[in-house]
């Protein structure tokens, strides 16, 4: 009887060791590859900025945009894509179809990142925010530096570039912060994306007006 008990005890001990070993193997497999995540965030940031520039160029094609707060408030209350189009048209934004198409493409960049980088969401929210902001800021600073190197060196142009850089920093990644959350889908991302792009367009429009006044 004692011999049987010893054998059973040994089986239990060995089973426990196997379970612990498997558990450790599992931990190794689920170890977060932060370097890979950082590389993917850099690519996302570059693609996101390119798409943001496309969207901003479309906004700039409209000669007279009424940016009264009432229109933007109505935009935030939009429940459907058609609601968004109606608000934009009333505000003088006549190429809403193209703008919405580009905003959707930008949202898809974010959704694809979520699907392909599940480990990113194993990190706490503050860590995710730090990694994302760091990569986007690096990409943005590189873009701003290239813009500045190609610009005229007059004081007006220098101030204009500073203002545009500030616009990009303040509003350019407005919609990108949605990546920090694990949720995906089109709404409310579409509304937020258009709202952020509109704010960026307004900021750059002000910068252009200031530049014109400076040159005169």
N, C-alpha and C. Protein backbone atom coordinates (compact mmCIF):
# COMPACT_ATOMS: atom_id res chain seq x y z
N UNK A 1 0.83 -1.20 0.00
CA UNK A 1 0.00 0.00 0.00
C UNK A 1 0.87 1.25 0.00
N UNK A 2 1.92 1.25 0.84
CA UNK A 2 2.84 2.37 0.90
C UNK A 2 3.53 2.57 -0.44
N UNK A 3 3.84 1.44 -1.09
CA UNK A 3 4.52 1.53 -2.38
C UNK A 3 3.62 2.19 -3.42
N UNK A 4 2.31 1.79 -3.40
CA UNK A 4 1.34 2.37 -4.33
C UNK A 4 1.21 3.88 -4.08
N UNK A 5 1.16 4.25 -2.79
CA UNK A 5 1.02 5.66 -2.41
C UNK A 5 2.22 6.47 -2.92
N UNK A 6 3.44 5.86 -2.78
CA UNK A 6 4.64 6.55 -3.25
C UNK A 6 4.61 6.75 -4.75
N UNK A 7 4.12 5.72 -5.48
CA UNK A 7 4.04 5.80 -6.94
C UNK A 7 3.06 6.90 -7.36
N UNK A 8 1.88 6.93 -6.67
CA UNK A 8 0.87 7.94 -6.97
C UNK A 8 1.39 9.34 -6.68
N UNK A 9 2.14 9.44 -5.58
CA UNK A 9 2.71 10.74 -5.21
C UNK A 9 3.70 11.21 -6.26
N UNK A 10 4.49 10.25 -6.75
CA UNK A 10 5.48 10.58 -7.78
C UNK A 10 4.80 11.05 -9.06
N UNK A 11 3.70 10.37 -9.41
CA UNK A 11 2.93 10.75 -10.61
C UNK A 11 2.40 12.17 -10.48
N UNK A 12 1.87 12.48 -9.28
CA UNK A 12 1.33 13.82 -9.04
C UNK A 12 2.42 14.87 -9.17
N UNK A 13 3.60 14.57 -8.58
CA UNK A 13 4.71 15.51 -8.62
C UNK A 13 5.19 15.74 -10.06
N UNK A 14 5.32 14.64 -10.80
CA UNK A 14 5.76 14.75 -12.18
C UNK A 14 4.75 15.51 -13.03
N UNK A 15 3.46 15.27 -12.78
CA UNK A 15 2.41 15.98 -13.52
C UNK A 15 2.48 17.47 -13.25
N UNK A 16 2.74 17.81 -12.00
CA UNK A 16 2.84 19.22 -11.61
C UNK A 16 4.02 19.88 -12.31
N UNK A 17 5.14 19.14 -12.37
CA UNK A 17 6.32 19.69 -13.03
C UNK A 17 6.08 19.91 -14.52
N UNK A 18 5.37 18.99 -15.15
CA UNK A 18 5.05 19.11 -16.57
C UNK A 18 4.16 20.32 -16.80
N UNK A 19 3.16 20.50 -15.91
CA UNK A 19 2.23 21.63 -16.02
C UNK A 19 2.97 22.96 -15.89
N UNK A 20 3.88 23.02 -14.92
CA UNK A 20 4.65 24.25 -14.71
C UNK A 20 5.54 24.53 -15.91
N UNK A 21 6.14 23.46 -16.46
CA UNK A 21 7.01 23.62 -17.61
C UNK A 21 6.23 24.15 -18.80
N UNK A 22 5.02 23.60 -19.03
CA UNK A 22 4.18 24.05 -20.14
C UNK A 22 3.78 25.50 -19.94
N UNK A 23 3.49 25.84 -18.69
CA UNK A 23 3.07 27.20 -18.37
C UNK A 23 4.20 28.17 -18.69
N UNK A 24 5.44 27.78 -18.35
CA UNK A 24 6.58 28.64 -18.64
C UNK A 24 6.79 28.78 -20.13
N UNK A 25 6.58 27.66 -20.86
CA UNK A 25 6.71 27.73 -22.31
C UNK A 25 5.70 28.70 -22.88
N UNK A 26 4.48 28.64 -22.32
CA UNK A 26 3.42 29.55 -22.76
C UNK A 26 3.80 30.98 -22.53
N UNK A 27 4.43 31.27 -21.41
CA UNK A 27 4.85 32.63 -21.09
C UNK A 27 5.88 33.12 -22.11
N UNK A 28 6.76 32.23 -22.52
CA UNK A 28 7.78 32.59 -23.50
C UNK A 28 7.12 32.91 -24.83
N UNK A 29 6.11 32.11 -25.20
CA UNK A 29 5.43 32.32 -26.47
C UNK A 29 4.64 33.62 -26.49
N UNK A 30 4.12 34.04 -25.35
CA UNK A 30 3.31 35.25 -25.30
C UNK A 30 4.13 36.47 -24.88
N UNK A 31 5.44 36.32 -24.83
CA UNK A 31 6.28 37.46 -24.49
C UNK A 31 6.12 38.54 -25.55
N UNK A 32 5.95 39.77 -25.12
CA UNK A 32 5.67 40.87 -26.03
C UNK A 32 6.95 41.30 -26.75
N UNK A 33 6.87 41.33 -28.05
CA UNK A 33 7.99 41.78 -28.87
C UNK A 33 7.84 43.28 -29.10
N UNK A 34 8.38 44.06 -28.19
CA UNK A 34 8.21 45.51 -28.24
C UNK A 34 8.92 46.13 -29.43
N UNK A 35 10.03 45.54 -29.83
CA UNK A 35 10.77 46.06 -30.98
C UNK A 35 9.93 45.96 -32.26
N UNK A 36 9.27 44.83 -32.43
CA UNK A 36 8.42 44.63 -33.61
C UNK A 36 7.24 45.59 -33.56
N UNK A 37 6.65 45.76 -32.38
CA UNK A 37 5.52 46.68 -32.23
C UNK A 37 5.96 48.10 -32.60
N UNK A 38 7.14 48.50 -32.15
CA UNK A 38 7.66 49.84 -32.44
C UNK A 38 7.84 50.04 -33.94
N UNK A 39 8.36 49.03 -34.62
CA UNK A 39 8.53 49.11 -36.07
C UNK A 39 7.18 49.26 -36.77
N UNK A 40 6.20 48.50 -36.31
CA UNK A 40 4.87 48.56 -36.91
C UNK A 40 4.18 49.89 -36.62
N UNK A 41 4.43 50.45 -35.44
CA UNK A 41 3.88 51.77 -35.12
C UNK A 41 4.50 52.84 -36.00
N UNK A 42 5.78 52.70 -36.30
CA UNK A 42 6.45 53.66 -37.20
C UNK A 42 5.81 53.61 -38.58
N UNK A 43 5.57 52.40 -39.08
CA UNK A 43 4.94 52.26 -40.39
C UNK A 43 3.53 52.83 -40.38
N UNK A 44 2.79 52.54 -39.31
CA UNK A 44 1.44 53.09 -39.18
C UNK A 44 1.48 54.61 -39.17
N UNK A 45 2.41 55.18 -38.42
CA UNK A 45 2.52 56.63 -38.32
C UNK A 45 2.83 57.26 -39.68
N UNK A 46 3.71 56.64 -40.45
CA UNK A 46 4.05 57.16 -41.77
C UNK A 46 2.84 57.10 -42.71
N UNK A 47 2.15 55.97 -42.71
CA UNK A 47 0.98 55.81 -43.57
C UNK A 47 -0.14 56.76 -43.13
N UNK A 48 -0.30 56.90 -41.81
CA UNK A 48 -1.34 57.77 -41.26
C UNK A 48 -1.08 59.23 -41.65
N UNK A 49 0.17 59.66 -41.55
CA UNK A 49 0.51 61.03 -41.91
C UNK A 49 0.28 61.28 -43.40
N UNK A 50 0.68 60.34 -44.24
CA UNK A 50 0.46 60.47 -45.68
C UNK A 50 -1.03 60.64 -45.99
N UNK A 51 -1.84 59.83 -45.34
CA UNK A 51 -3.29 59.90 -45.56
C UNK A 51 -3.87 61.20 -45.02
N UNK A 52 -3.34 61.67 -43.89
CA UNK A 52 -3.79 62.93 -43.30
C UNK A 52 -3.50 64.09 -44.25
N UNK A 53 -2.34 64.06 -44.89
CA UNK A 53 -1.98 65.11 -45.85
C UNK A 53 -2.93 65.09 -47.04
N UNK A 54 -3.29 63.89 -47.51
CA UNK A 54 -4.25 63.77 -48.60
C UNK A 54 -5.60 64.39 -48.22
N UNK A 55 -6.05 64.07 -47.02
CA UNK A 55 -7.33 64.59 -46.54
C UNK A 55 -7.28 66.12 -46.44
N UNK A 56 -6.19 66.62 -45.89
CA UNK A 56 -6.04 68.07 -45.73
C UNK A 56 -6.03 68.77 -47.08
N UNK A 57 -5.41 68.16 -48.07
CA UNK A 57 -5.40 68.73 -49.42
C UNK A 57 -6.79 68.81 -50.01
N UNK A 58 -7.62 67.83 -49.69
CA UNK A 58 -9.01 67.85 -50.17
C UNK A 58 -9.81 68.97 -49.50
N UNK A 59 -9.61 69.14 -48.20
CA UNK A 59 -10.28 70.25 -47.51
C UNK A 59 -9.87 71.59 -48.13
N UNK A 60 -8.60 71.71 -48.47
CA UNK A 60 -8.07 72.97 -49.00
C UNK A 60 -8.64 73.33 -50.37
N UNK A 61 -9.24 72.36 -51.06
CA UNK A 61 -9.83 72.63 -52.37
C UNK A 61 -11.11 73.45 -52.27
N UNK A 62 -11.68 73.51 -51.07
CA UNK A 62 -12.92 74.27 -50.87
C UNK A 62 -12.57 75.72 -50.56
N UNK A 63 -13.12 76.62 -51.35
CA UNK A 63 -12.76 78.03 -51.24
C UNK A 63 -13.31 78.69 -49.98
N UNK A 64 -14.54 78.38 -49.64
CA UNK A 64 -15.17 79.03 -48.49
C UNK A 64 -15.81 77.99 -47.58
N UNK A 65 -15.13 77.69 -46.50
CA UNK A 65 -15.66 76.74 -45.51
C UNK A 65 -16.14 77.53 -44.31
N UNK A 66 -17.39 77.31 -43.96
CA UNK A 66 -17.95 77.96 -42.77
C UNK A 66 -17.65 77.06 -41.57
N UNK A 67 -16.73 77.48 -40.74
CA UNK A 67 -16.30 76.67 -39.60
C UNK A 67 -16.97 77.09 -38.29
N UNK A 68 -18.17 77.62 -38.42
CA UNK A 68 -18.93 77.99 -37.23
C UNK A 68 -19.10 76.76 -36.33
N UNK A 69 -19.04 76.99 -35.03
CA UNK A 69 -19.10 75.88 -34.07
C UNK A 69 -20.37 75.05 -34.22
N UNK A 70 -21.45 75.69 -34.66
CA UNK A 70 -22.72 74.97 -34.79
C UNK A 70 -22.62 73.82 -35.80
N UNK A 71 -21.84 74.02 -36.86
CA UNK A 71 -21.67 72.96 -37.85
C UNK A 71 -20.88 71.79 -37.27
N UNK A 72 -19.83 72.11 -36.56
CA UNK A 72 -19.02 71.04 -35.96
C UNK A 72 -19.79 70.30 -34.88
N UNK A 73 -20.61 71.02 -34.14
CA UNK A 73 -21.45 70.36 -33.14
C UNK A 73 -22.44 69.41 -33.81
N UNK A 74 -22.99 69.84 -34.94
CA UNK A 74 -23.90 68.99 -35.69
C UNK A 74 -23.18 67.75 -36.22
N UNK A 75 -21.94 67.94 -36.63
CA UNK A 75 -21.15 66.81 -37.11
C UNK A 75 -20.99 65.75 -36.03
N UNK A 76 -20.71 66.19 -34.81
CA UNK A 76 -20.51 65.25 -33.71
C UNK A 76 -21.79 64.48 -33.36
N UNK A 77 -22.93 65.02 -33.77
CA UNK A 77 -24.21 64.37 -33.50
C UNK A 77 -24.64 63.45 -34.64
N UNK A 78 -23.82 63.38 -35.69
CA UNK A 78 -24.15 62.55 -36.85
C UNK A 78 -24.25 61.08 -36.48
N UNK A 79 -25.28 60.43 -37.01
CA UNK A 79 -25.50 59.00 -36.75
C UNK A 79 -25.19 58.14 -37.97
N UNK A 80 -25.22 58.76 -39.13
CA UNK A 80 -24.98 58.00 -40.36
C UNK A 80 -24.00 58.78 -41.25
N UNK A 81 -23.51 58.10 -42.26
CA UNK A 81 -22.61 58.74 -43.21
C UNK A 81 -23.31 59.86 -43.96
N UNK A 82 -24.59 59.66 -44.25
CA UNK A 82 -25.35 60.71 -44.95
C UNK A 82 -25.49 61.96 -44.09
N UNK A 83 -25.64 61.77 -42.78
CA UNK A 83 -25.69 62.92 -41.86
C UNK A 83 -24.42 63.75 -41.98
N UNK A 84 -23.29 63.07 -42.06
CA UNK A 84 -22.00 63.76 -42.17
C UNK A 84 -21.95 64.57 -43.46
N UNK A 85 -22.39 63.95 -44.56
CA UNK A 85 -22.37 64.63 -45.86
C UNK A 85 -23.22 65.89 -45.85
N UNK A 86 -24.38 65.81 -45.21
CA UNK A 86 -25.29 66.96 -45.14
C UNK A 86 -24.63 68.11 -44.40
N UNK A 87 -24.00 67.80 -43.26
CA UNK A 87 -23.34 68.84 -42.46
C UNK A 87 -22.21 69.49 -43.25
N UNK A 88 -21.39 68.66 -43.91
CA UNK A 88 -20.26 69.18 -44.67
C UNK A 88 -20.73 70.07 -45.82
N UNK A 89 -21.77 69.64 -46.49
CA UNK A 89 -22.30 70.43 -47.61
C UNK A 89 -22.81 71.78 -47.13
N UNK A 90 -23.52 71.80 -46.01
CA UNK A 90 -24.03 73.06 -45.45
C UNK A 90 -22.89 74.00 -45.08
N UNK A 91 -21.74 73.41 -44.68
CA UNK A 91 -20.59 74.22 -44.28
C UNK A 91 -19.73 74.64 -45.47
N UNK A 92 -20.15 74.25 -46.67
CA UNK A 92 -19.41 74.65 -47.86
C UNK A 92 -18.33 73.68 -48.29
N UNK A 93 -18.33 72.48 -47.72
CA UNK A 93 -17.35 71.45 -48.09
C UNK A 93 -18.02 70.56 -49.14
N UNK A 94 -17.66 70.79 -50.39
CA UNK A 94 -18.41 70.20 -51.50
C UNK A 94 -17.87 68.86 -51.98
N UNK A 95 -16.71 68.48 -51.52
CA UNK A 95 -16.10 67.21 -51.94
C UNK A 95 -16.14 66.18 -50.80
N UNK A 96 -17.26 66.10 -50.13
CA UNK A 96 -17.39 65.21 -48.96
C UNK A 96 -17.18 63.75 -49.32
N UNK A 97 -17.59 63.34 -50.53
CA UNK A 97 -17.43 61.94 -50.93
C UNK A 97 -15.96 61.53 -50.89
N UNK A 98 -15.11 62.38 -51.46
CA UNK A 98 -13.67 62.09 -51.49
C UNK A 98 -13.07 62.12 -50.09
N UNK A 99 -13.47 63.12 -49.31
CA UNK A 99 -12.96 63.24 -47.94
C UNK A 99 -13.34 62.02 -47.12
N UNK A 100 -14.58 61.60 -47.20
CA UNK A 100 -15.03 60.43 -46.43
C UNK A 100 -14.31 59.16 -46.88
N UNK A 101 -14.08 59.05 -48.18
CA UNK A 101 -13.34 57.88 -48.70
C UNK A 101 -11.95 57.82 -48.08
N UNK A 102 -11.26 58.97 -48.04
CA UNK A 102 -9.91 59.01 -47.49
C UNK A 102 -9.91 58.77 -45.98
N UNK A 103 -10.90 59.31 -45.29
CA UNK A 103 -10.98 59.09 -43.83
C UNK A 103 -11.21 57.60 -43.55
N UNK A 104 -12.05 56.95 -44.36
CA UNK A 104 -12.28 55.51 -44.21
C UNK A 104 -10.98 54.73 -44.41
N UNK A 105 -10.22 55.14 -45.41
CA UNK A 105 -8.94 54.47 -45.67
C UNK A 105 -8.00 54.64 -44.48
N UNK A 106 -8.05 55.81 -43.86
CA UNK A 106 -7.21 56.04 -42.68
C UNK A 106 -7.68 55.19 -41.51
N UNK A 107 -8.98 55.04 -41.36
CA UNK A 107 -9.52 54.18 -40.30
C UNK A 107 -9.11 52.74 -40.54
N UNK A 108 -9.10 52.32 -41.80
CA UNK A 108 -8.69 50.96 -42.13
C UNK A 108 -7.23 50.70 -41.76
N UNK A 109 -6.40 51.73 -41.88
CA UNK A 109 -5.00 51.60 -41.45
C UNK A 109 -4.95 51.26 -39.96
N UNK A 110 -5.79 51.94 -39.18
CA UNK A 110 -5.83 51.71 -37.75
C UNK A 110 -6.38 50.33 -37.42
N UNK A 111 -7.46 49.95 -38.11
CA UNK A 111 -8.07 48.65 -37.84
C UNK A 111 -7.13 47.50 -38.22
N UNK A 112 -6.42 47.66 -39.33
CA UNK A 112 -5.46 46.63 -39.74
C UNK A 112 -4.33 46.49 -38.73
N UNK A 113 -3.91 47.62 -38.17
CA UNK A 113 -2.87 47.57 -37.15
C UNK A 113 -3.37 46.78 -35.94
N UNK A 114 -4.61 47.01 -35.53
CA UNK A 114 -5.16 46.28 -34.38
C UNK A 114 -5.17 44.78 -34.61
N UNK A 115 -5.57 44.39 -35.82
CA UNK A 115 -5.67 42.97 -36.15
C UNK A 115 -4.28 42.31 -36.16
N UNK A 116 -3.31 43.00 -36.71
CA UNK A 116 -1.98 42.42 -36.90
C UNK A 116 -1.06 42.57 -35.69
N UNK A 117 -1.49 43.36 -34.70
CA UNK A 117 -0.62 43.60 -33.54
C UNK A 117 -1.37 43.39 -32.22
N UNK A 118 -1.87 42.18 -31.98
CA UNK A 118 -2.61 41.92 -30.74
C UNK A 118 -1.77 42.12 -29.48
N UNK A 119 -0.46 41.90 -29.60
CA UNK A 119 0.42 42.06 -28.43
C UNK A 119 0.44 43.50 -27.93
N UNK A 120 0.21 44.43 -28.83
CA UNK A 120 0.21 45.85 -28.45
C UNK A 120 -0.83 46.11 -27.36
N UNK A 121 -1.93 45.35 -27.41
CA UNK A 121 -3.02 45.57 -26.47
C UNK A 121 -2.87 44.75 -25.19
N UNK A 122 -1.75 44.04 -25.09
CA UNK A 122 -1.39 43.41 -23.81
C UNK A 122 -0.67 44.41 -22.91
N UNK A 123 -0.18 45.49 -23.52
CA UNK A 123 0.47 46.55 -22.75
C UNK A 123 -0.60 47.43 -22.10
N UNK A 124 -0.23 48.10 -21.00
CA UNK A 124 -1.22 48.99 -20.37
C UNK A 124 -1.39 50.23 -21.24
N UNK A 125 -2.47 50.94 -21.01
CA UNK A 125 -2.84 52.05 -21.89
C UNK A 125 -1.78 53.15 -21.93
N UNK A 126 -1.18 53.45 -20.81
CA UNK A 126 -0.15 54.49 -20.78
C UNK A 126 1.06 54.11 -21.62
N UNK A 127 1.44 52.84 -21.55
CA UNK A 127 2.57 52.35 -22.35
C UNK A 127 2.24 52.42 -23.83
N UNK A 128 1.02 52.04 -24.19
CA UNK A 128 0.60 52.12 -25.59
C UNK A 128 0.65 53.56 -26.09
N UNK A 129 0.17 54.47 -25.26
CA UNK A 129 0.16 55.89 -25.64
C UNK A 129 1.58 56.40 -25.84
N UNK A 130 2.49 56.03 -24.96
CA UNK A 130 3.88 56.48 -25.06
C UNK A 130 4.53 55.98 -26.34
N UNK A 131 4.36 54.69 -26.63
CA UNK A 131 4.96 54.11 -27.83
C UNK A 131 4.42 54.77 -29.09
N UNK A 132 3.10 54.93 -29.14
CA UNK A 132 2.46 55.52 -30.32
C UNK A 132 2.89 56.98 -30.51
N UNK A 133 2.81 57.76 -29.44
CA UNK A 133 3.16 59.18 -29.54
C UNK A 133 4.62 59.37 -29.93
N UNK A 134 5.50 58.56 -29.37
CA UNK A 134 6.92 58.67 -29.69
C UNK A 134 7.19 58.45 -31.18
N UNK A 135 6.56 57.41 -31.74
CA UNK A 135 6.79 57.09 -33.15
C UNK A 135 6.17 58.13 -34.06
N UNK A 136 4.96 58.56 -33.74
CA UNK A 136 4.31 59.56 -34.59
C UNK A 136 5.07 60.89 -34.54
N UNK A 137 5.53 61.27 -33.35
CA UNK A 137 6.28 62.52 -33.22
C UNK A 137 7.57 62.48 -34.04
N UNK A 138 8.25 61.32 -34.04
CA UNK A 138 9.48 61.19 -34.83
C UNK A 138 9.19 61.34 -36.32
N UNK A 139 8.13 60.67 -36.78
CA UNK A 139 7.75 60.76 -38.19
C UNK A 139 7.34 62.19 -38.55
N UNK A 140 6.59 62.82 -37.67
CA UNK A 140 6.12 64.18 -37.92
C UNK A 140 7.28 65.18 -37.94
N UNK A 141 8.21 65.03 -36.99
CA UNK A 141 9.36 65.94 -36.95
C UNK A 141 10.20 65.80 -38.22
N UNK A 142 10.34 64.60 -38.73
CA UNK A 142 11.09 64.38 -39.96
C UNK A 142 10.39 65.06 -41.13
N UNK A 143 9.07 64.94 -41.16
CA UNK A 143 8.28 65.58 -42.22
C UNK A 143 8.42 67.11 -42.15
N UNK A 144 8.30 67.67 -40.94
CA UNK A 144 8.40 69.12 -40.76
C UNK A 144 9.79 69.61 -41.15
N UNK A 145 10.82 68.86 -40.77
CA UNK A 145 12.20 69.24 -41.11
C UNK A 145 12.39 69.28 -42.62
N UNK A 146 11.82 68.31 -43.33
CA UNK A 146 11.93 68.28 -44.79
C UNK A 146 11.20 69.47 -45.41
N UNK A 147 10.04 69.80 -44.84
CA UNK A 147 9.28 70.94 -45.34
C UNK A 147 10.07 72.24 -45.15
N UNK A 148 10.66 72.37 -43.98
CA UNK A 148 11.41 73.59 -43.66
C UNK A 148 12.65 73.75 -44.54
N UNK A 149 13.29 72.62 -44.86
CA UNK A 149 14.51 72.69 -45.67
C UNK A 149 14.23 73.12 -47.09
N UNK A 150 12.96 72.91 -47.53
CA UNK A 150 12.58 73.28 -48.90
C UNK A 150 11.92 74.65 -48.97
N UNK A 151 11.78 75.30 -47.83
CA UNK A 151 11.06 76.57 -47.78
C UNK A 151 12.01 77.75 -47.92
N UNK A 152 11.44 78.88 -48.28
CA UNK A 152 12.22 80.12 -48.33
C UNK A 152 12.57 80.55 -46.90
N UNK A 153 13.64 81.29 -46.78
CA UNK A 153 14.14 81.61 -45.45
C UNK A 153 13.70 83.00 -44.97
N UNK A 154 12.65 83.56 -45.55
CA UNK A 154 12.15 84.85 -45.08
C UNK A 154 11.52 84.67 -43.72
N UNK A 155 11.40 85.78 -42.99
CA UNK A 155 10.81 85.70 -41.65
C UNK A 155 9.36 85.27 -41.71
N UNK A 156 8.64 85.73 -42.74
CA UNK A 156 7.22 85.34 -42.90
C UNK A 156 7.10 83.83 -43.14
N UNK A 157 7.98 83.33 -44.01
CA UNK A 157 7.94 81.90 -44.33
C UNK A 157 8.33 81.08 -43.11
N UNK A 158 9.29 81.57 -42.35
CA UNK A 158 9.71 80.87 -41.14
C UNK A 158 8.58 80.77 -40.14
N UNK A 159 7.84 81.88 -39.96
CA UNK A 159 6.71 81.87 -39.04
C UNK A 159 5.59 80.96 -39.55
N UNK A 160 5.40 80.99 -40.85
CA UNK A 160 4.37 80.13 -41.46
C UNK A 160 4.68 78.66 -41.21
N UNK A 161 5.93 78.28 -41.42
CA UNK A 161 6.32 76.89 -41.20
C UNK A 161 6.16 76.49 -39.73
N UNK A 162 6.46 77.43 -38.85
CA UNK A 162 6.27 77.16 -37.42
C UNK A 162 4.81 76.93 -37.10
N UNK A 163 3.95 77.78 -37.69
CA UNK A 163 2.50 77.66 -37.45
C UNK A 163 1.95 76.35 -38.01
N UNK A 164 2.40 75.99 -39.21
CA UNK A 164 1.93 74.74 -39.82
C UNK A 164 2.40 73.55 -39.00
N UNK A 165 3.64 73.62 -38.53
CA UNK A 165 4.15 72.55 -37.68
C UNK A 165 3.33 72.40 -36.42
N UNK A 166 2.93 73.54 -35.85
CA UNK A 166 2.10 73.51 -34.64
C UNK A 166 0.73 72.89 -34.94
N UNK A 167 0.18 73.22 -36.10
CA UNK A 167 -1.10 72.62 -36.50
C UNK A 167 -0.99 71.11 -36.59
N UNK A 168 0.08 70.65 -37.23
CA UNK A 168 0.27 69.21 -37.40
C UNK A 168 0.45 68.50 -36.06
N UNK A 169 1.15 69.14 -35.15
CA UNK A 169 1.36 68.54 -33.83
C UNK A 169 0.05 68.49 -33.03
N UNK A 170 -0.71 69.59 -33.11
CA UNK A 170 -1.90 69.71 -32.28
C UNK A 170 -3.06 68.87 -32.80
N UNK A 171 -3.28 68.93 -34.12
CA UNK A 171 -4.46 68.27 -34.69
C UNK A 171 -4.15 67.06 -35.56
N UNK A 172 -2.90 66.97 -36.04
CA UNK A 172 -2.55 65.92 -36.98
C UNK A 172 -2.76 64.51 -36.48
N UNK A 173 -2.52 64.30 -35.16
CA UNK A 173 -2.69 62.94 -34.63
C UNK A 173 -3.95 62.80 -33.80
N UNK A 174 -4.83 63.77 -33.95
CA UNK A 174 -6.10 63.76 -33.21
C UNK A 174 -6.82 62.43 -33.35
N UNK A 175 -7.01 61.99 -34.60
CA UNK A 175 -7.74 60.74 -34.84
C UNK A 175 -6.90 59.50 -34.58
N UNK A 176 -5.59 59.66 -34.55
CA UNK A 176 -4.70 58.50 -34.37
C UNK A 176 -4.79 57.90 -32.97
N UNK A 177 -5.18 58.72 -31.98
CA UNK A 177 -5.22 58.21 -30.61
C UNK A 177 -6.23 57.08 -30.44
N UNK A 178 -7.13 56.92 -31.41
CA UNK A 178 -8.09 55.82 -31.35
C UNK A 178 -7.39 54.47 -31.38
N UNK A 179 -6.16 54.43 -31.89
CA UNK A 179 -5.41 53.18 -31.95
C UNK A 179 -5.12 52.65 -30.55
N UNK A 180 -5.01 53.57 -29.59
CA UNK A 180 -4.69 53.17 -28.21
C UNK A 180 -5.77 52.28 -27.65
N UNK A 181 -7.02 52.53 -28.04
CA UNK A 181 -8.13 51.70 -27.58
C UNK A 181 -8.22 50.45 -28.45
N UNK A 182 -8.77 49.40 -27.91
CA UNK A 182 -8.84 48.13 -28.65
C UNK A 182 -10.05 48.07 -29.57
N UNK A 183 -10.99 48.99 -29.41
CA UNK A 183 -12.21 48.95 -30.21
C UNK A 183 -11.91 49.33 -31.66
N UNK A 184 -12.73 48.77 -32.58
CA UNK A 184 -12.57 49.15 -33.97
C UNK A 184 -13.95 49.41 -34.57
N UNK A 185 -14.02 49.43 -35.91
CA UNK A 185 -15.28 49.73 -36.56
C UNK A 185 -15.25 51.10 -37.20
N UNK A 186 -16.35 51.44 -37.88
CA UNK A 186 -16.42 52.69 -38.63
C UNK A 186 -16.92 53.86 -37.79
N UNK A 187 -17.97 53.62 -37.01
CA UNK A 187 -18.48 54.68 -36.15
C UNK A 187 -18.09 54.37 -34.71
N UNK A 188 -17.76 55.38 -33.90
CA UNK A 188 -17.75 56.82 -34.21
C UNK A 188 -16.46 57.31 -34.87
N UNK A 189 -15.58 56.37 -35.28
CA UNK A 189 -14.30 56.75 -35.86
C UNK A 189 -14.43 57.66 -37.08
N UNK A 190 -15.47 57.46 -37.88
CA UNK A 190 -15.65 58.27 -39.08
C UNK A 190 -15.95 59.72 -38.69
N UNK A 191 -16.82 59.90 -37.72
CA UNK A 191 -17.17 61.24 -37.25
C UNK A 191 -15.94 61.93 -36.66
N UNK A 192 -15.24 61.22 -35.79
CA UNK A 192 -14.04 61.78 -35.14
C UNK A 192 -12.97 62.11 -36.19
N UNK A 193 -12.81 61.23 -37.16
CA UNK A 193 -11.81 61.44 -38.20
C UNK A 193 -12.08 62.70 -39.01
N UNK A 194 -13.32 62.90 -39.40
CA UNK A 194 -13.70 64.10 -40.15
C UNK A 194 -13.55 65.35 -39.29
N UNK A 195 -13.97 65.25 -38.03
CA UNK A 195 -13.88 66.38 -37.11
C UNK A 195 -12.43 66.82 -36.93
N UNK A 196 -11.54 65.86 -36.72
CA UNK A 196 -10.12 66.16 -36.53
C UNK A 196 -9.52 66.78 -37.79
N UNK A 197 -9.89 66.23 -38.95
CA UNK A 197 -9.37 66.74 -40.21
C UNK A 197 -9.86 68.17 -40.45
N UNK A 198 -11.09 68.44 -40.06
CA UNK A 198 -11.66 69.78 -40.21
C UNK A 198 -10.90 70.78 -39.33
N UNK A 199 -10.63 70.39 -38.10
CA UNK A 199 -9.85 71.26 -37.19
C UNK A 199 -8.46 71.54 -37.74
N UNK A 200 -7.83 70.51 -38.30
CA UNK A 200 -6.50 70.68 -38.89
C UNK A 200 -6.56 71.65 -40.06
N UNK A 201 -7.59 71.50 -40.89
CA UNK A 201 -7.77 72.39 -42.04
C UNK A 201 -7.96 73.83 -41.60
N UNK A 202 -8.77 74.04 -40.56
CA UNK A 202 -8.99 75.39 -40.03
C UNK A 202 -7.70 76.02 -39.52
N UNK A 203 -6.93 75.22 -38.81
CA UNK A 203 -5.67 75.71 -38.26
C UNK A 203 -4.71 76.13 -39.37
N UNK A 204 -4.61 75.33 -40.41
CA UNK A 204 -3.71 75.65 -41.52
C UNK A 204 -4.23 76.83 -42.33
N UNK A 205 -5.55 76.95 -42.41
CA UNK A 205 -6.14 78.10 -43.10
C UNK A 205 -5.78 79.40 -42.39
N UNK A 206 -5.84 79.37 -41.06
CA UNK A 206 -5.43 80.54 -40.27
C UNK A 206 -3.96 80.87 -40.51
N UNK A 207 -3.14 79.83 -40.59
CA UNK A 207 -1.70 80.04 -40.82
C UNK A 207 -1.46 80.68 -42.18
N UNK A 208 -2.22 80.26 -43.19
CA UNK A 208 -2.07 80.84 -44.52
C UNK A 208 -2.50 82.31 -44.54
N UNK A 209 -3.57 82.60 -43.82
CA UNK A 209 -4.03 83.98 -43.74
C UNK A 209 -2.98 84.87 -43.07
N UNK A 210 -2.41 84.36 -42.00
CA UNK A 210 -1.35 85.12 -41.28
C UNK A 210 -0.15 85.33 -42.18
N UNK A 211 0.18 84.32 -42.96
CA UNK A 211 1.31 84.44 -43.88
C UNK A 211 1.04 85.51 -44.94
N UNK A 212 -0.20 85.51 -45.47
CA UNK A 212 -0.57 86.52 -46.45
C UNK A 212 -0.49 87.92 -45.89
N UNK A 213 -0.96 88.08 -44.64
CA UNK A 213 -0.90 89.40 -43.99
C UNK A 213 0.55 89.83 -43.77
N UNK A 214 1.38 88.86 -43.40
CA UNK A 214 2.79 89.16 -43.17
C UNK A 214 3.48 89.62 -44.44
N UNK A 215 3.18 88.98 -45.55
CA UNK A 215 3.81 89.31 -46.83
C UNK A 215 3.35 90.66 -47.36
N UNK A 216 2.15 91.07 -46.94
CA UNK A 216 1.63 92.36 -47.38
C UNK A 216 2.06 93.48 -46.42
